[in-house]
C-alpha atoms as a PDB file:
ATOM      1  CA  MET A   1      22.972 -59.530 -42.451  1.00  0.00           C
ATOM      2  CA  SER A   2      21.836 -56.068 -43.553  1.00  0.00           C
ATOM      3  CA  ILE A   3      18.306 -56.785 -42.389  1.00  0.00           C
ATOM      4  CA  TYR A   4      19.668 -57.844 -39.004  1.00  0.00           C
ATOM      5  CA  MET A   5      21.769 -54.713 -38.664  1.00  0.00           C
ATOM      6  CA  THR A   6      18.833 -52.508 -39.656  1.00  0.00           C
ATOM      7  CA  ASP A   7      16.592 -54.069 -37.031  1.00  0.00           C
ATOM      8  CA  ARG A   8      19.357 -53.726 -34.481  1.00  0.00           C
ATOM      9  CA  ASN A   9      19.851 -50.033 -35.265  1.00  0.00           C
ATOM     10  CA  GLU A  10      16.120 -49.355 -35.047  1.00  0.00           C
ATOM     11  CA  ALA A  11      15.961 -51.139 -31.732  1.00  0.00           C
ATOM     12  CA  THR A  12      18.857 -49.038 -30.509  1.00  0.00           C
ATOM     13  CA  GLU A  13      17.158 -45.818 -31.600  1.00  0.00           C
ATOM     14  CA  PHE A  14      13.937 -46.595 -29.757  1.00  0.00           C
ATOM     15  CA  GLN A  15      15.595 -47.544 -26.489  1.00  0.00           C
ATOM     16  CA  PRO A  16      14.413 -45.239 -23.648  1.00  0.00           C
ATOM     17  CA  LYS A  17      16.965 -42.603 -22.686  1.00  0.00           C
ATOM     18  CA  LEU A  18      18.162 -42.558 -19.114  1.00  0.00           C
ATOM     19  CA  HIS A  19      17.069 -39.561 -17.054  1.00  0.00           C
ATOM     20  CA  PRO A  20      19.906 -37.475 -15.660  1.00  0.00           C
ATOM     21  CA  GLY A  21      20.501 -37.579 -11.932  1.00  0.00           C
ATOM     22  CA  LYS A  22      19.852 -34.815  -9.456  1.00  0.00           C
ATOM     23  CA  LYS A  23      23.241 -33.264 -10.098  1.00  0.00           C
ATOM     24  CA  GLY A  24      22.601 -33.258 -13.825  1.00  0.00           C
ATOM     25  CA  ARG A  25      19.183 -31.667 -13.430  1.00  0.00           C
ATOM     26  CA  PHE A  26      20.604 -29.041 -11.072  1.00  0.00           C
ATOM     27  CA  ALA A  27      23.428 -28.250 -13.514  1.00  0.00           C
ATOM     28  CA  ALA A  28      20.969 -27.910 -16.392  1.00  0.00           C
ATOM     29  CA  HIS A  29      18.638 -25.746 -14.317  1.00  0.00           C
ATOM     30  CA  TRP A  30      21.500 -23.525 -13.164  1.00  0.00           C
ATOM     31  CA  ALA A  31      22.838 -23.201 -16.720  1.00  0.00           C
ATOM     32  CA  LYS A  32      19.403 -21.995 -17.821  1.00  0.00           C
ATOM     33  CA  TYR A  33      18.401 -19.768 -14.897  1.00  0.00           C
ATOM     34  CA  GLY A  34      21.667 -19.113 -13.049  1.00  0.00           C
ATOM     35  CA  THR A  35      22.135 -15.625 -14.452  1.00  0.00           C
ATOM     36  CA  GLY A  36      18.658 -14.638 -13.337  1.00  0.00           C
ATOM     37  CA  TYR A  37      19.321 -15.930  -9.828  1.00  0.00           C
ATOM     38  CA  LEU A  38      22.527 -13.899  -9.658  1.00  0.00           C
ATOM     39  CA  PHE A  39      20.657 -10.730 -10.603  1.00  0.00           C
ATOM     40  CA  LEU A  40      17.964 -11.503  -8.023  1.00  0.00           C
ATOM     41  CA  ALA A  41      20.472 -12.324  -5.287  1.00  0.00           C
ATOM     42  CA  PRO A  42      21.029  -8.737  -3.997  1.00  0.00           C
ATOM     43  CA  PHE A  43      17.294  -8.121  -3.663  1.00  0.00           C
ATOM     44  CA  ILE A  44      16.630 -11.519  -2.071  1.00  0.00           C
ATOM     45  CA  ILE A  45      19.457 -11.056   0.438  1.00  0.00           C
ATOM     46  CA  LEU A  46      18.398  -7.535   1.422  1.00  0.00           C
ATOM     47  CA  PHE A  47      14.706  -8.502   1.525  1.00  0.00           C
ATOM     48  CA  THR A  48      15.520 -11.430   3.792  1.00  0.00           C
ATOM     49  CA  ILE A  49      17.693  -9.351   6.125  1.00  0.00           C
ATOM     50  CA  PHE A  50      15.449  -6.293   6.407  1.00  0.00           C
ATOM     51  CA  VAL A  51      11.939  -7.780   5.993  1.00  0.00           C
ATOM     52  CA  ILE A  52      11.678 -11.523   6.612  1.00  0.00           C
ATOM     53  CA  VAL A  53      14.092 -11.763   9.542  1.00  0.00           C
ATOM     54  CA  PRO A  54      12.663  -8.675  11.356  1.00  0.00           C
ATOM     55  CA  PHE A  55       9.152 -10.070  10.978  1.00  0.00           C
ATOM     56  CA  PHE A  56      10.033 -13.344  12.680  1.00  0.00           C
ATOM     57  CA  VAL A  57      12.005 -11.487  15.344  1.00  0.00           C
ATOM     58  CA  SER A  58       8.998  -9.254  15.975  1.00  0.00           C
ATOM     59  CA  LEU A  59       6.722 -12.294  16.071  1.00  0.00           C
ATOM     60  CA  GLY A  60       8.929 -13.891  18.702  1.00  0.00           C
ATOM     61  CA  LEU A  61       9.177 -10.701  20.762  1.00  0.00           C
ATOM     62  CA  SER A  62       5.380 -10.349  20.773  1.00  0.00           C
ATOM     63  CA  PHE A  63       5.260 -13.261  23.245  1.00  0.00           C
ATOM     64  CA  THR A  64       7.752 -11.637  25.604  1.00  0.00           C
ATOM     65  CA  TYR A  65       8.211  -8.663  27.886  1.00  0.00           C
ATOM     66  CA  TYR A  66      11.215  -6.756  26.539  1.00  0.00           C
ATOM     67  CA  ASN A  67      12.246  -3.257  27.613  1.00  0.00           C
ATOM     68  CA  MET A  68      15.611  -3.154  25.748  1.00  0.00           C
ATOM     69  CA  LEU A  69      17.490  -3.089  29.081  1.00  0.00           C
ATOM     70  CA  GLU A  70      16.839  -6.648  30.248  1.00  0.00           C
ATOM     71  CA  PRO A  71      16.723  -9.923  28.316  1.00  0.00           C
ATOM     72  CA  PRO A  72      13.291 -10.772  26.865  1.00  0.00           C
ATOM     73  CA  GLU A  73      11.053 -12.579  29.344  1.00  0.00           C
ATOM     74  CA  TRP A  74       8.547 -15.109  27.980  1.00  0.00           C
ATOM     75  CA  ILE A  75       4.967 -14.205  28.943  1.00  0.00           C
ATOM     76  CA  GLY A  76       2.998 -16.141  26.336  1.00  0.00           C
ATOM     77  CA  LEU A  77      -0.240 -14.545  25.109  1.00  0.00           C
ATOM     78  CA  ASN A  78      -0.394 -11.864  27.802  1.00  0.00           C
ATOM     79  CA  ASN A  79       0.486  -9.105  25.351  1.00  0.00           C
ATOM     80  CA  TYR A  80      -2.342 -10.137  23.032  1.00  0.00           C
ATOM     81  CA  LYS A  81      -4.814 -10.361  25.926  1.00  0.00           C
ATOM     82  CA  LEU A  82      -3.805  -6.904  27.103  1.00  0.00           C
ATOM     83  CA  LEU A  83      -3.996  -5.510  23.578  1.00  0.00           C
ATOM     84  CA  PHE A  84      -7.539  -6.647  22.789  1.00  0.00           C
ATOM     85  CA  LEU A  85      -9.164  -6.760  26.228  1.00  0.00           C
ATOM     86  CA  GLU A  86      -7.649  -3.972  28.295  1.00  0.00           C
ATOM     87  CA  ASP A  87      -6.042  -1.380  26.030  1.00  0.00           C
ATOM     88  CA  ASP A  88      -8.871   1.073  25.319  1.00  0.00           C
ATOM     89  CA  VAL A  89      -6.540   3.521  23.555  1.00  0.00           C
ATOM     90  CA  PHE A  90      -5.528   0.806  21.106  1.00  0.00           C
ATOM     91  CA  LEU A  91      -9.186   0.099  20.314  1.00  0.00           C
ATOM     92  CA  ILE A  92      -9.676   3.811  19.637  1.00  0.00           C
ATOM     93  CA  GLY A  93      -6.668   3.689  17.322  1.00  0.00           C
ATOM     94  CA  VAL A  94      -8.100   0.651  15.512  1.00  0.00           C
ATOM     95  CA  LYS A  95     -11.453   2.412  15.067  1.00  0.00           C
ATOM     96  CA  ASN A  96      -9.795   5.594  13.765  1.00  0.00           C
ATOM     97  CA  THR A  97      -7.528   3.629  11.424  1.00  0.00           C
ATOM     98  CA  LEU A  98     -10.388   1.561   9.988  1.00  0.00           C
ATOM     99  CA  ILE A  99     -12.535   4.657   9.440  1.00  0.00           C
ATOM    100  CA  PHE A 100      -9.587   6.426   7.842  1.00  0.00           C
ATOM    101  CA  ALA A 101      -8.674   3.437   5.654  1.00  0.00           C
ATOM    102  CA  PHE A 102     -12.178   2.654   4.412  1.00  0.00           C
ATOM    103  CA  ILE A 103     -12.793   6.295   3.459  1.00  0.00           C
ATOM    104  CA  THR A 104      -9.453   7.533   2.156  1.00  0.00           C
ATOM    105  CA  GLY A 105      -8.391   4.233   0.587  1.00  0.00           C
ATOM    106  CA  PRO A 106     -11.232   3.873  -1.948  1.00  0.00           C
ATOM    107  CA  ILE A 107     -11.468   7.636  -2.568  1.00  0.00           C
ATOM    108  CA  GLY A 108      -7.729   7.970  -3.246  1.00  0.00           C
ATOM    109  CA  TYR A 109      -7.735   4.778  -5.318  1.00  0.00           C
ATOM    110  CA  PHE A 110     -10.598   5.746  -7.634  1.00  0.00           C
ATOM    111  CA  ALA A 111      -9.473   9.374  -7.798  1.00  0.00           C
ATOM    112  CA  SER A 112      -5.989   8.267  -8.888  1.00  0.00           C
ATOM    113  CA  PHE A 113      -7.386   6.018 -11.600  1.00  0.00           C
ATOM    114  CA  PHE A 114      -9.881   8.495 -13.039  1.00  0.00           C
ATOM    115  CA  ALA A 115      -7.309  11.296 -12.928  1.00  0.00           C
ATOM    116  CA  ALA A 116      -4.866   9.093 -14.851  1.00  0.00           C
ATOM    117  CA  TRP A 117      -7.598   8.082 -17.291  1.00  0.00           C
ATOM    118  CA  ALA A 118      -8.627  11.683 -17.934  1.00  0.00           C
ATOM    119  CA  ILE A 119      -5.054  12.968 -18.262  1.00  0.00           C
ATOM    120  CA  ASN A 120      -4.187  10.137 -20.651  1.00  0.00           C
ATOM    121  CA  GLU A 121      -6.636  11.623 -23.141  1.00  0.00           C
ATOM    122  CA  LEU A 122      -5.020  15.086 -22.991  1.00  0.00           C
ATOM    123  CA  LYS A 123      -1.991  16.431 -24.832  1.00  0.00           C
ATOM    124  CA  THR A 124      -0.525  18.203 -21.777  1.00  0.00           C
ATOM    125  CA  ARG A 125      -0.121  14.958 -19.857  1.00  0.00           C
ATOM    126  CA  LYS A 126       3.530  15.551 -18.877  1.00  0.00           C
ATOM    127  CA  PHE A 127       2.856  18.727 -16.907  1.00  0.00           C
ATOM    128  CA  LEU A 128      -0.291  17.342 -15.268  1.00  0.00           C
ATOM    129  CA  SER A 129       1.450  14.065 -14.444  1.00  0.00           C
ATOM    130  CA  LEU A 130       4.183  15.966 -12.623  1.00  0.00           C
ATOM    131  CA  ALA A 131       1.591  18.056 -10.798  1.00  0.00           C
ATOM    132  CA  PHE A 132      -0.235  14.943  -9.531  1.00  0.00           C
ATOM    133  CA  TYR A 133       2.933  13.002  -8.689  1.00  0.00           C
ATOM    134  CA  ALA A 134       4.778  15.808  -6.876  1.00  0.00           C
ATOM    135  CA  PRO A 135       2.896  15.524  -3.523  1.00  0.00           C
ATOM    136  CA  SER A 136       3.869  11.860  -3.121  1.00  0.00           C
ATOM    137  CA  ILE A 137       7.609  12.612  -3.300  1.00  0.00           C
ATOM    138  CA  THR A 138       7.354  15.534  -0.877  1.00  0.00           C
ATOM    139  CA  SER A 139       7.965  15.026   2.817  1.00  0.00           C
ATOM    140  CA  SER A 140       4.707  14.366   4.627  1.00  0.00           C
ATOM    141  CA  VAL A 141       5.830  16.580   7.506  1.00  0.00           C
ATOM    142  CA  ALA A 142       6.563  19.510   5.174  1.00  0.00           C
ATOM    143  CA  VAL A 143       3.242  19.085   3.381  1.00  0.00           C
ATOM    144  CA  SER A 144       1.407  18.867   6.712  1.00  0.00           C
ATOM    145  CA  VAL A 145       2.961  22.148   7.825  1.00  0.00           C
ATOM    146  CA  ILE A 146       1.553  23.838   4.718  1.00  0.00           C
ATOM    147  CA  TRP A 147      -1.868  22.343   5.347  1.00  0.00           C
ATOM    148  CA  LEU A 148      -1.646  23.447   8.972  1.00  0.00           C
ATOM    149  CA  TYR A 149      -1.527  27.014   7.707  1.00  0.00           C
ATOM    150  CA  ILE A 150      -4.576  26.349   5.544  1.00  0.00           C
ATOM    151  CA  PHE A 151      -6.507  24.751   8.441  1.00  0.00           C
ATOM    152  CA  SER A 152      -5.114  26.983  11.150  1.00  0.00           C
ATOM    153  CA  PRO A 153      -7.631  27.140  14.045  1.00  0.00           C
ATOM    154  CA  ASP A 154      -7.393  30.922  14.383  1.00  0.00           C
ATOM    155  CA  ARG A 155      -8.756  33.737  12.243  1.00  0.00           C
ATOM    156  CA  TYR A 156      -5.501  33.922  10.267  1.00  0.00           C
ATOM    157  CA  GLY A 157      -5.930  30.480   8.749  1.00  0.00           C
ATOM    158  CA  LEU A 158      -6.760  30.574   5.037  1.00  0.00           C
ATOM    159  CA  ILE A 159     -10.072  28.732   5.331  1.00  0.00           C
ATOM    160  CA  ASN A 160     -11.193  30.520   8.475  1.00  0.00           C
ATOM    161  CA  ASN A 161     -10.169  33.878   6.997  1.00  0.00           C
ATOM    162  CA  LEU A 162     -12.140  33.161   3.847  1.00  0.00           C
ATOM    163  CA  LEU A 163     -15.231  32.109   5.814  1.00  0.00           C
ATOM    164  CA  ILE A 164     -14.986  35.231   7.995  1.00  0.00           C
ATOM    165  CA  LYS A 165     -14.788  37.494   4.930  1.00  0.00           C
ATOM    166  CA  LEU A 166     -17.792  35.730   3.413  1.00  0.00           C
ATOM    167  CA  GLY A 167     -19.741  36.235   6.621  1.00  0.00           C
ATOM    168  CA  PHE A 168     -20.129  32.580   7.601  1.00  0.00           C
ATOM    169  CA  LEU A 169     -17.966  33.007  10.727  1.00  0.00           C
ATOM    170  CA  THR A 170     -17.098  35.712  13.188  1.00  0.00           C
ATOM    171  CA  ALA A 171     -13.520  36.669  14.005  1.00  0.00           C
ATOM    172  CA  THR A 172     -14.053  35.689  17.641  1.00  0.00           C
ATOM    173  CA  GLU A 173     -15.367  32.195  16.862  1.00  0.00           C
ATOM    174  CA  PRO A 174     -13.182  30.538  14.194  1.00  0.00           C
ATOM    175  CA  ILE A 175     -13.428  26.806  13.518  1.00  0.00           C
ATOM    176  CA  LEU A 176     -10.873  24.848  15.537  1.00  0.00           C
ATOM    177  CA  TRP A 177      -9.928  22.554  12.685  1.00  0.00           C
ATOM    178  CA  THR A 178      -6.956  20.850  14.371  1.00  0.00           C
ATOM    179  CA  SER A 179      -8.137  21.117  17.973  1.00  0.00           C
ATOM    180  CA  ASN A 180     -11.751  19.974  17.833  1.00  0.00           C
ATOM    181  CA  PRO A 181     -12.012  16.160  18.005  1.00  0.00           C
ATOM    182  CA  LYS A 182     -14.898  16.278  15.497  1.00  0.00           C
ATOM    183  CA  THR A 183     -12.843  17.970  12.771  1.00  0.00           C
ATOM    184  CA  ILE A 184      -9.397  16.435  13.331  1.00  0.00           C
ATOM    185  CA  MET A 185      -9.997  13.223  11.385  1.00  0.00           C
ATOM    186  CA  PRO A 186     -11.669  14.933   8.366  1.00  0.00           C
ATOM    187  CA  VAL A 187      -8.665  17.288   8.080  1.00  0.00           C
ATOM    188  CA  ILE A 188      -6.253  14.331   8.211  1.00  0.00           C
ATOM    189  CA  MET A 189      -8.300  12.567   5.529  1.00  0.00           C
ATOM    190  CA  VAL A 190      -8.215  15.561   3.192  1.00  0.00           C
ATOM    191  CA  VAL A 191      -4.437  15.912   3.481  1.00  0.00           C
ATOM    192  CA  SER A 192      -3.849  12.166   3.106  1.00  0.00           C
ATOM    193  CA  ILE A 193      -6.048  11.862   0.011  1.00  0.00           C
ATOM    194  CA  TRP A 194      -4.207  14.764  -1.591  1.00  0.00           C
ATOM    195  CA  MET A 195      -0.871  13.069  -0.883  1.00  0.00           C
ATOM    196  CA  SER A 196      -1.906   9.522  -1.798  1.00  0.00           C
ATOM    197  CA  MET A 197      -2.566  10.129  -5.499  1.00  0.00           C
ATOM    198  CA  GLY A 198       1.095  10.014  -6.542  1.00  0.00           C
ATOM    199  CA  THR A 199       2.376   6.460  -6.900  1.00  0.00           C
ATOM    200  CA  GLY A 200      -0.955   4.868  -7.791  1.00  0.00           C
ATOM    201  CA  PHE A 201      -1.660   7.618 -10.290  1.00  0.00           C
ATOM    202  CA  LEU A 202       1.703   7.072 -11.992  1.00  0.00           C
ATOM    203  CA  VAL A 203       1.173   3.300 -12.227  1.00  0.00           C
ATOM    204  CA  PHE A 204      -2.307   3.726 -13.671  1.00  0.00           C
ATOM    205  CA  LEU A 205      -1.046   6.271 -16.193  1.00  0.00           C
ATOM    206  CA  ALA A 206       1.743   3.924 -17.308  1.00  0.00           C
ATOM    207  CA  GLY A 207      -0.761   1.097 -17.744  1.00  0.00           C
ATOM    208  CA  LEU A 208      -3.084   3.277 -19.788  1.00  0.00           C
ATOM    209  CA  GLN A 209      -0.286   4.449 -22.069  1.00  0.00           C
ATOM    210  CA  ASN A 210       0.751   0.849 -22.783  1.00  0.00           C
ATOM    211  CA  MET A 211      -2.731  -0.316 -23.786  1.00  0.00           C
ATOM    212  CA  PRO A 212      -2.678  -1.909 -27.271  1.00  0.00           C
ATOM    213  CA  GLY A 213      -4.487   0.392 -29.673  1.00  0.00           C
ATOM    214  CA  GLU A 214      -5.727  -2.476 -31.873  1.00  0.00           C
ATOM    215  CA  LEU A 215      -8.129  -3.512 -29.124  1.00  0.00           C
ATOM    216  CA  TYR A 216      -9.874  -0.147 -29.302  1.00  0.00           C
ATOM    217  CA  ASP A 217      -9.915  -0.347 -33.096  1.00  0.00           C
ATOM    218  CA  ALA A 218     -11.544  -3.764 -32.893  1.00  0.00           C
ATOM    219  CA  ALA A 219     -14.047  -2.422 -30.379  1.00  0.00           C
ATOM    220  CA  ASN A 220     -14.939   0.432 -32.747  1.00  0.00           C
ATOM    221  CA  MET A 221     -15.564  -2.079 -35.525  1.00  0.00           C
ATOM    222  CA  ASP A 222     -17.783  -4.120 -33.185  1.00  0.00           C
ATOM    223  CA  GLY A 223     -19.931  -1.085 -32.452  1.00  0.00           C
ATOM    224  CA  VAL A 224     -18.482   0.074 -29.119  1.00  0.00           C
ATOM    225  CA  LYS A 225     -18.476   3.856 -29.409  1.00  0.00           C
ATOM    226  CA  ASN A 226     -18.919   5.115 -25.851  1.00  0.00           C
ATOM    227  CA  VAL A 227     -15.677   5.840 -23.982  1.00  0.00           C
ATOM    228  CA  PHE A 228     -17.197   4.436 -20.810  1.00  0.00           C
ATOM    229  CA  GLN A 229     -17.987   1.162 -22.577  1.00  0.00           C
ATOM    230  CA  LYS A 230     -14.365   0.964 -23.712  1.00  0.00           C
ATOM    231  CA  LEU A 231     -13.284   1.660 -20.159  1.00  0.00           C
ATOM    232  CA  TRP A 232     -15.486  -1.100 -18.717  1.00  0.00           C
ATOM    233  CA  TYR A 233     -15.023  -3.817 -21.348  1.00  0.00           C
ATOM    234  CA  ILE A 234     -11.413  -3.249 -22.473  1.00  0.00           C
ATOM    235  CA  THR A 235      -9.374  -0.953 -20.229  1.00  0.00           C
ATOM    236  CA  LEU A 236     -10.273  -2.332 -16.808  1.00  0.00           C
ATOM    237  CA  PRO A 237      -9.858  -6.056 -17.703  1.00  0.00           C
ATOM    238  CA  MET A 238      -6.490  -5.371 -19.339  1.00  0.00           C
ATOM    239  CA  MET A 239      -5.233  -3.300 -16.395  1.00  0.00           C
ATOM    240  CA  LYS A 240      -5.793  -5.845 -13.623  1.00  0.00           C
ATOM    241  CA  PRO A 241      -2.072  -6.005 -12.673  1.00  0.00           C
ATOM    242  CA  GLN A 242      -1.916  -2.222 -12.278  1.00  0.00           C
ATOM    243  CA  LEU A 243      -5.241  -2.204 -10.431  1.00  0.00           C
ATOM    244  CA  LEU A 244      -3.919  -4.856  -8.048  1.00  0.00           C
ATOM    245  CA  PHE A 245      -0.760  -2.889  -7.346  1.00  0.00           C
ATOM    246  CA  GLY A 246      -2.752   0.273  -6.767  1.00  0.00           C
ATOM    247  CA  ALA A 247      -5.136  -1.495  -4.391  1.00  0.00           C
ATOM    248  CA  VAL A 248      -2.374  -3.059  -2.294  1.00  0.00           C
ATOM    249  CA  ASN A 249      -0.456   0.215  -2.238  1.00  0.00           C
ATOM    250  CA  SER A 250      -3.604   2.078  -1.164  1.00  0.00           C
ATOM    251  CA  ILE A 251      -4.249  -0.397   1.663  1.00  0.00           C
ATOM    252  CA  VAL A 252      -0.698  -0.193   2.976  1.00  0.00           C
ATOM    253  CA  ASN A 253      -0.654   3.612   2.869  1.00  0.00           C
ATOM    254  CA  SER A 254      -4.059   3.858   4.557  1.00  0.00           C
ATOM    255  CA  PHE A 255      -3.134   1.618   7.476  1.00  0.00           C
ATOM    256  CA  ASN A 256       0.331   3.143   7.911  1.00  0.00           C
ATOM    257  CA  VAL A 257      -0.862   6.713   8.458  1.00  0.00           C
ATOM    258  CA  PHE A 258       1.233   8.346  11.175  1.00  0.00           C
ATOM    259  CA  ALA A 259       3.294  11.394  10.199  1.00  0.00           C
ATOM    260  CA  VAL A 260       0.376  13.363   8.781  1.00  0.00           C
ATOM    261  CA  ALA A 261      -1.859  12.576  11.763  1.00  0.00           C
ATOM    262  CA  THR A 262       0.717  13.481  14.404  1.00  0.00           C
ATOM    263  CA  THR A 263       1.851  16.653  12.620  1.00  0.00           C
ATOM    264  CA  ILE A 264      -1.686  17.976  12.223  1.00  0.00           C
ATOM    265  CA  ALA A 265      -3.336  16.765  15.440  1.00  0.00           C
ATOM    266  CA  GLY A 266      -0.307  16.484  17.726  1.00  0.00           C
ATOM    267  CA  PHE A 267       0.817  13.508  19.748  1.00  0.00           C
ATOM    268  CA  PRO A 268      -1.291  12.533  21.530  1.00  0.00           C
ATOM    269  CA  SER A 269      -4.211  14.200  19.789  1.00  0.00           C
ATOM    270  CA  PRO A 270      -7.166  15.709  21.714  1.00  0.00           C
ATOM    271  CA  ASN A 271      -9.308  12.829  23.031  1.00  0.00           C
ATOM    272  CA  TYR A 272      -7.190  10.562  20.804  1.00  0.00           C
ATOM    273  CA  ALA A 273      -9.274  11.745  17.841  1.00  0.00           C
ATOM    274  CA  GLY A 274      -6.305  11.375  15.475  1.00  0.00           C
ATOM    275  CA  HIS A 275      -4.737   8.338  17.160  1.00  0.00           C
ATOM    276  CA  THR A 276      -3.893   5.451  14.799  1.00  0.00           C
ATOM    277  CA  ILE A 277      -2.434   1.962  15.086  1.00  0.00           C
ATOM    278  CA  VAL A 278       1.005   3.116  13.964  1.00  0.00           C
ATOM    279  CA  ALA A 279       0.899   5.992  16.441  1.00  0.00           C
ATOM    280  CA  HIS A 280       0.131   3.495  19.213  1.00  0.00           C
ATOM    281  CA  LEU A 281       3.027   1.322  18.034  1.00  0.00           C
ATOM    282  CA  TYR A 282       5.357   4.339  18.001  1.00  0.00           C
ATOM    283  CA  ASP A 283       4.250   5.256  21.529  1.00  0.00           C
ATOM    284  CA  TYR A 284       5.174   1.893  23.021  1.00  0.00           C
ATOM    285  CA  ALA A 285       8.271   1.303  20.890  1.00  0.00           C
ATOM    286  CA  PHE A 286      10.110   4.646  20.966  1.00  0.00           C
ATOM    287  CA  ILE A 287       8.637   6.479  23.966  1.00  0.00           C
ATOM    288  CA  ARG A 288       7.939   3.733  26.504  1.00  0.00           C
ATOM    289  CA  PHE A 289      10.496   1.271  25.050  1.00  0.00           C
ATOM    290  CA  GLU A 290       8.186  -1.718  25.608  1.00  0.00           C
ATOM    291  CA  MET A 291       9.335  -3.589  22.536  1.00  0.00           C
ATOM    292  CA  GLY A 292       7.419  -6.764  23.319  1.00  0.00           C
ATOM    293  CA  TYR A 293       4.092  -4.973  23.386  1.00  0.00           C
ATOM    294  CA  ALA A 294       5.036  -2.855  20.363  1.00  0.00           C
ATOM    295  CA  SER A 295       5.872  -6.055  18.465  1.00  0.00           C
ATOM    296  CA  THR A 296       2.391  -7.351  19.296  1.00  0.00           C
ATOM    297  CA  ILE A 297       0.862  -4.253  17.700  1.00  0.00           C
ATOM    298  CA  ALA A 298       3.135  -4.662  14.679  1.00  0.00           C
ATOM    299  CA  VAL A 299       2.097  -8.312  14.219  1.00  0.00           C
ATOM    300  CA  PHE A 300      -1.576  -7.339  14.399  1.00  0.00           C
ATOM    301  CA  LEU A 301      -1.061  -4.608  11.806  1.00  0.00           C
ATOM    302  CA  PHE A 302       0.810  -7.023   9.529  1.00  0.00           C
ATOM    303  CA  VAL A 303      -1.923  -9.667   9.723  1.00  0.00           C
ATOM    304  CA  LEU A 304      -4.619  -7.071   9.042  1.00  0.00           C
ATOM    305  CA  THR A 305      -2.912  -5.614   5.968  1.00  0.00           C
ATOM    306  CA  PHE A 306      -1.931  -9.085   4.737  1.00  0.00           C
ATOM    307  CA  LEU A 307      -5.523 -10.358   4.837  1.00  0.00           C
ATOM    308  CA  LEU A 308      -6.824  -7.273   3.034  1.00  0.00           C
ATOM    309  CA  GLY A 309      -4.053  -7.645   0.461  1.00  0.00           C
ATOM    310  CA  ARG A 310      -5.065 -11.248  -0.174  1.00  0.00           C
ATOM    311  CA  ILE A 311      -8.651 -10.147  -0.714  1.00  0.00           C
ATOM    312  CA  CYS A 312      -7.456  -7.616  -3.298  1.00  0.00           C
ATOM    313  CA  MET A 313      -5.430 -10.324  -5.041  1.00  0.00           C
ATOM    314  CA  LYS A 314      -8.542 -12.466  -5.316  1.00  0.00           C
ATOM    315  CA  VAL A 315     -10.606  -9.590  -6.689  1.00  0.00           C
ATOM    316  CA  PHE A 316      -8.014  -8.318  -9.176  1.00  0.00           C
ATOM    317  CA  SER A 317      -6.557 -11.677 -10.169  1.00  0.00           C
ATOM    318  CA  SER A 318      -5.456 -11.557 -13.826  1.00  0.00           C
ATOM    319  CA  LYS A 319      -5.784 -15.307 -14.502  1.00  0.00           C
ATOM    320  CA  ASP A 320      -9.024 -14.825 -16.378  1.00  0.00           C
ATOM    321  CA  THR A 321      -7.898 -11.728 -18.289  1.00  0.00           C
ATOM    322  CA  TYR A 322      -7.099 -13.562 -21.509  1.00  0.00           C
END
């Protein structure tokens, strides 16, 4: 009898347990992650209302003619045909934006990183960090006004005045920094690079300060003495998340240039030398009130920045970091 009961108990113990139903799995999942979902709910709701929904609305309006006074009228791909085949000003804006992005983006990105790397080795990092971060929290219009005084196209501008005193210019022939189509874009680039080193610089500095010191100690024991070798073999691989954020942030800021360009070069700028994609979007959206065509420009800008962001995610992917 005891042998029979023992075998019966063992058989009962090794019986497969029944899997809970969908309701049971949902209850268990909610009990484990429900608090996290509640904390995420405000962000998800606001992100959906102010980002996801406007994108799909803009995508739908890009196939219509909509002047904000009449109901949207479906016109199919006409806006896209007009944008790429007939709008010469838009093509100028695309060319200016690409030139601006591929020059200021990498320069601002690498300058932010190396400035953070150099300051991280100094003892006065708090003061220097504030000095580098301050331009990014200042209004771009206010900063542009200050730079307008520096690049003023008359003999009272700081740069022109300095060049006249040094004998490189005459008082009757100053450089027209903000009026000459050849110098407008370089001036915009200089101002934008100076302003773009704030957020990326702060992220890089935070990543550098959180680097585990034992890795550098191990590298010293393995014979790595050069600071540049430590930077290449240890710092950069461990900072891929920060590098990714900085790259995406640099791309977005480069392609969204508008306030600095219009404040310095005017709107529209001479020969559209400072015209950008966002300036073209602003023209059709808030001056001409052609929201369908403006939505087409916005969709193009979104696709362009999205594709470049995906490329950066592939390059700076942290899956192989460890």
